């Protein structure tokens, strides 16, 4: 297998990433050039945590609603069967 092609691809990809990042940094206002990565990381982490909590709460409510609906269905089913007249032999 030709590894030169793979190495050239990796080099081009790295160059593209560098150009993209430097263009992005140049487009930011000059006052924000010093980005506090710890603050950004913490904010991102908090957002992810909130999203996961919301998702789990929604799953919990959905599961509870489904179980309640199944209980109601079976309660109504057995109640309806009890109200049917028993055939005499």
Protein backbone atom coordinates (compact mmCIF):
# COMPACT_ATOMS: atom_id res chain seq x y z
CA UNK A 1 0.00 0.00 0.00
CA UNK A 2 1.23 3.48 -0.81
CA UNK A 3 1.80 5.29 2.49
CA UNK A 4 2.93 8.45 0.74
CA UNK A 5 -0.65 9.15 -0.33
CA UNK A 6 -1.88 8.76 3.25
CA UNK A 7 0.88 11.00 4.63
CA UNK A 8 0.14 13.66 2.01
CA UNK A 9 -3.56 13.48 2.88
CA UNK A 10 -2.77 13.91 6.59
CA UNK A 11 -0.50 16.88 5.85
CA UNK A 12 -3.17 18.58 3.74
CA UNK A 13 -5.80 17.95 6.39
CA UNK A 14 -3.56 19.44 9.09
CA UNK A 15 -2.87 22.50 6.90
CA UNK A 16 -6.58 22.97 6.29
CA UNK A 17 -7.32 22.76 10.02
CA UNK A 18 -4.62 25.34 10.79
CA UNK A 19 -5.95 27.72 8.12
CA UNK A 20 -9.51 27.28 9.34
CA UNK A 21 -8.57 27.93 12.97
CA UNK A 22 -6.42 30.97 12.20
CA UNK A 23 -9.13 32.44 9.94
CA UNK A 24 -11.69 31.88 12.66
CA UNK A 25 -9.46 33.51 15.30
CA UNK A 26 -8.80 36.50 13.01
CA UNK A 27 -12.53 37.01 12.52
CA UNK A 28 -13.10 37.37 16.26
CA UNK A 29 -12.95 40.83 17.79
CA UNK A 30 -9.48 41.67 19.09
CA UNK A 31 -10.62 41.74 22.74
CA UNK A 32 -11.59 38.09 22.72
CA UNK A 33 -8.29 36.73 21.46
CA UNK A 34 -7.56 35.50 24.98
CA UNK A 35 -10.19 32.84 25.38
CA UNK A 36 -10.38 31.22 28.77
CA UNK A 37 -10.59 27.56 27.88
CA UNK A 38 -11.46 26.49 31.42
CA UNK A 39 -14.54 28.76 31.42
CA UNK A 40 -15.56 27.56 27.99
CA UNK A 41 -15.08 23.95 29.02
CA UNK A 42 -17.07 24.42 32.23
CA UNK A 43 -19.89 26.16 30.36
CA UNK A 44 -19.98 23.40 27.77
CA UNK A 45 -19.97 20.75 30.47
CA UNK A 46 -22.85 22.43 32.32
CA UNK A 47 -24.86 22.64 29.11
CA UNK A 48 -24.29 18.96 28.38
CA UNK A 49 -25.26 18.06 31.92
CA UNK A 50 -28.50 20.08 31.67
CA UNK A 51 -29.34 18.41 28.36
CA UNK A 52 -28.79 14.93 29.78
CA UNK A 53 -30.88 15.73 32.87
CA UNK A 54 -33.73 17.07 30.70
CA UNK A 55 -33.56 14.02 28.45
CA UNK A 56 -33.65 11.63 31.40
CA UNK A 57 -36.57 13.49 32.99
CA UNK A 58 -38.48 13.29 29.71
CA UNK A 59 -37.75 9.56 29.49
CA UNK A 60 -38.91 9.07 33.07
CA UNK A 61 -42.18 10.94 32.45
CA UNK A 62 -42.76 9.07 29.22
CA UNK A 63 -42.17 5.69 30.88
CA UNK A 64 -44.47 6.61 33.77
CA UNK A 65 -47.21 7.69 31.37
CA UNK A 66 -46.89 4.45 29.39
CA UNK A 67 -47.07 2.31 32.52
CA UNK A 68 -50.08 4.27 33.81
CA UNK A 69 -51.82 3.85 30.44
CA UNK A 70 -51.14 0.09 30.48
CA UNK A 71 -52.46 -0.21 34.06
CA UNK A 72 -55.62 1.68 33.09
CA UNK A 73 -56.07 -0.50 30.01
CA UNK A 74 -55.80 -3.74 31.99
CA UNK A 75 -57.98 -2.44 34.82
CA UNK A 76 -60.67 -1.53 32.30
CA UNK A 77 -60.27 -4.87 30.53
CA UNK A 78 -60.79 -6.94 33.68
CA UNK A 79 -63.59 -4.69 34.86
CA UNK A 80 -65.37 -5.11 31.51
CA UNK A 81 -64.97 -8.90 31.71
CA UNK A 82 -66.42 -8.97 35.21
CA UNK A 83 -69.49 -7.10 34.00
CA UNK A 84 -70.24 -9.67 31.29
CA UNK A 85 -72.96 -12.13 32.15
CA UNK A 86 -71.74 -15.62 32.87
CA UNK A 87 -73.31 -18.13 30.47
CA UNK A 88 -75.37 -20.82 32.17
CA UNK A 89 -74.69 -24.44 31.27
